[in-house]
Amino acid sequence: QVQLVESGGGLVQAGGSLRLSCAASGTIFNINTMGWYRQTPGKQRELVATITSGGDTNLADSVKGRFTISRDNAKNTVYLQMNSLKPEDSAVYYCYVRYAALRTAWGQGTQVTVSS
């Protein structure tokens, strides 16, 4: 069984910063991609950022220049540093992990609310 424990969400004013963390534990091995998606009510879950085990990153255009994704392979942890937050960044953010080639796991989600 795989557990993804997210932390760091909360309420922040526009222009502020938050840092999300997600630690993977349990029967998880050969982690390839780790990342973050987000979802707002009535909309599909969308990619925010991913990072491979080799450090290659992919960020949504809407967050480029403001968000940074990083990971600690020794701790099986992925981070999302979010700066210059905007109200439209408000969403539930979900941690995502792909491991053992084809298996995936999702976190429970953490709420990020940006007030104007």
Protein backbone atom coordinates (compact mmCIF):
# COMPACT_ATOMS: atom_id res chain seq x y z
CA GLN A 1 0.00 0.00 0.00
CA VAL A 2 1.21 3.46 -0.90
CA GLN A 3 0.58 6.58 1.15
CA LEU A 4 1.07 10.14 -0.06
CA VAL A 5 1.00 12.71 2.73
CA GLU A 6 0.56 16.29 1.59
CA SER A 7 1.13 19.41 3.61
CA GLY A 8 1.53 23.15 3.19
CA GLY A 9 -1.81 24.29 1.85
CA GLY A 10 -3.73 27.16 3.35
CA LEU A 11 -5.02 30.69 2.91
CA VAL A 12 -2.77 33.41 1.55
CA GLN A 13 -3.23 36.86 0.08
CA ALA A 14 -2.60 37.53 -3.58
CA GLY A 15 1.10 38.00 -4.19
CA GLY A 16 2.02 35.73 -1.34
CA SER A 17 3.78 32.38 -1.28
CA LEU A 18 3.12 28.84 -0.14
CA ARG A 19 5.18 25.68 -0.24
CA LEU A 20 3.51 22.32 -0.69
CA SER A 21 5.17 19.07 0.29
CA CYS A 22 4.24 15.48 -0.49
CA ALA A 23 5.98 12.49 1.05
CA ALA A 24 5.47 9.02 -0.39
CA SER A 25 5.74 5.95 1.80
CA GLY A 26 4.73 2.33 1.89
CA THR A 27 5.27 -0.27 -0.78
CA ILE A 28 6.59 2.13 -3.36
CA PHE A 29 9.67 1.67 -5.48
CA ASN A 30 11.26 2.82 -8.69
CA ILE A 31 9.57 6.20 -8.48
CA ASN A 32 9.72 7.91 -11.83
CA THR A 33 7.51 10.98 -12.01
CA MET A 34 6.26 13.03 -9.08
CA GLY A 35 4.12 16.08 -9.40
CA TRP A 36 1.12 18.19 -8.64
CA TYR A 37 -2.28 18.60 -10.22
CA ARG A 38 -5.07 20.91 -9.14
CA GLN A 39 -8.83 20.99 -9.41
CA THR A 40 -11.58 23.51 -8.84
CA PRO A 41 -15.30 22.70 -8.57
CA GLY A 42 -16.85 21.84 -11.90
CA LYS A 43 -13.54 21.63 -13.71
CA GLN A 44 -11.25 18.81 -14.69
CA ARG A 45 -8.11 18.13 -12.76
CA GLU A 46 -5.23 19.90 -14.48
CA LEU A 47 -1.49 19.47 -14.45
CA VAL A 48 0.48 22.03 -12.49
CA ALA A 49 4.00 20.61 -12.52
CA THR A 50 5.86 17.32 -12.72
CA ILE A 51 9.44 16.26 -12.18
CA THR A 52 11.16 13.05 -13.19
CA SER A 53 13.71 11.10 -11.20
CA GLY A 54 16.37 12.69 -13.38
CA GLY A 55 15.19 16.19 -12.56
CA ASP A 56 13.41 17.06 -15.80
CA THR A 57 10.49 19.36 -15.08
CA ASN A 58 7.28 20.23 -16.82
CA LEU A 59 5.18 23.19 -15.71
CA ALA A 60 1.86 24.48 -16.89
CA ASP A 61 2.14 27.73 -18.81
CA SER A 62 -0.06 29.45 -16.25
CA VAL A 63 2.48 28.88 -13.47
CA LYS A 64 5.78 29.23 -15.29
CA GLY A 65 7.96 31.86 -13.69
CA ARG A 66 6.00 31.69 -10.43
CA PHE A 67 6.05 28.05 -9.32
CA THR A 68 9.04 25.77 -8.86
CA ILE A 69 8.94 22.01 -8.44
CA SER A 70 11.71 20.02 -6.80
CA ARG A 71 12.16 16.63 -5.16
CA ASP A 72 14.30 14.79 -2.67
CA ASN A 73 14.75 11.28 -4.01
CA ALA A 74 16.23 10.02 -0.76
CA LYS A 75 13.06 11.07 1.08
CA ASN A 76 10.60 10.24 -1.72
CA THR A 77 9.31 13.77 -1.33
CA VAL A 78 8.23 16.34 -3.88
CA TYR A 79 7.86 20.06 -3.24
CA LEU A 80 5.99 22.84 -4.98
CA GLN A 81 7.13 26.36 -4.21
CA MET A 82 4.39 28.77 -5.22
CA ASN A 83 5.23 32.46 -5.43
CA SER A 84 3.27 35.47 -6.65
CA LEU A 85 0.06 33.60 -6.04
CA LYS A 86 -3.11 34.75 -7.78
CA PRO A 87 -6.76 34.17 -6.88
CA GLU A 88 -7.05 31.89 -9.92
CA ASP A 89 -4.48 29.58 -8.32
CA SER A 90 -7.07 28.70 -5.68
CA ALA A 91 -7.83 24.99 -5.93
CA VAL A 92 -7.37 21.65 -4.29
CA TYR A 93 -3.85 20.54 -5.08
CA TYR A 94 -3.20 16.81 -5.47
CA CYS A 95 0.14 15.08 -5.26
CA TYR A 96 0.82 12.50 -7.95
CA VAL A 97 3.40 9.74 -8.18
CA ARG A 98 4.16 7.28 -10.95
CA TYR A 99 6.23 4.32 -9.91
CA ALA A 100 7.19 0.80 -10.95
CA ALA A 101 6.82 1.89 -14.57
CA LEU A 102 3.03 1.99 -14.77
CA ARG A 103 1.58 2.32 -11.29
CA THR A 104 0.21 5.62 -10.05
CA ALA A 105 -0.87 7.03 -6.72
CA TRP A 106 -2.68 10.18 -5.68
CA GLY A 107 -2.73 12.15 -2.48
CA GLN A 108 -5.90 13.20 -0.68
CA GLY A 109 -5.52 16.81 -1.76
CA THR A 110 -4.70 20.02 0.06
CA GLN A 111 -6.67 23.23 -0.28
CA VAL A 112 -4.96 26.39 -1.46
CA THR A 113 -6.99 29.58 -1.26
CA VAL A 114 -5.66 32.89 -2.53
CA SER A 115 -7.62 35.96 -1.50
CA SER A 116 -7.67 39.11 -3.61
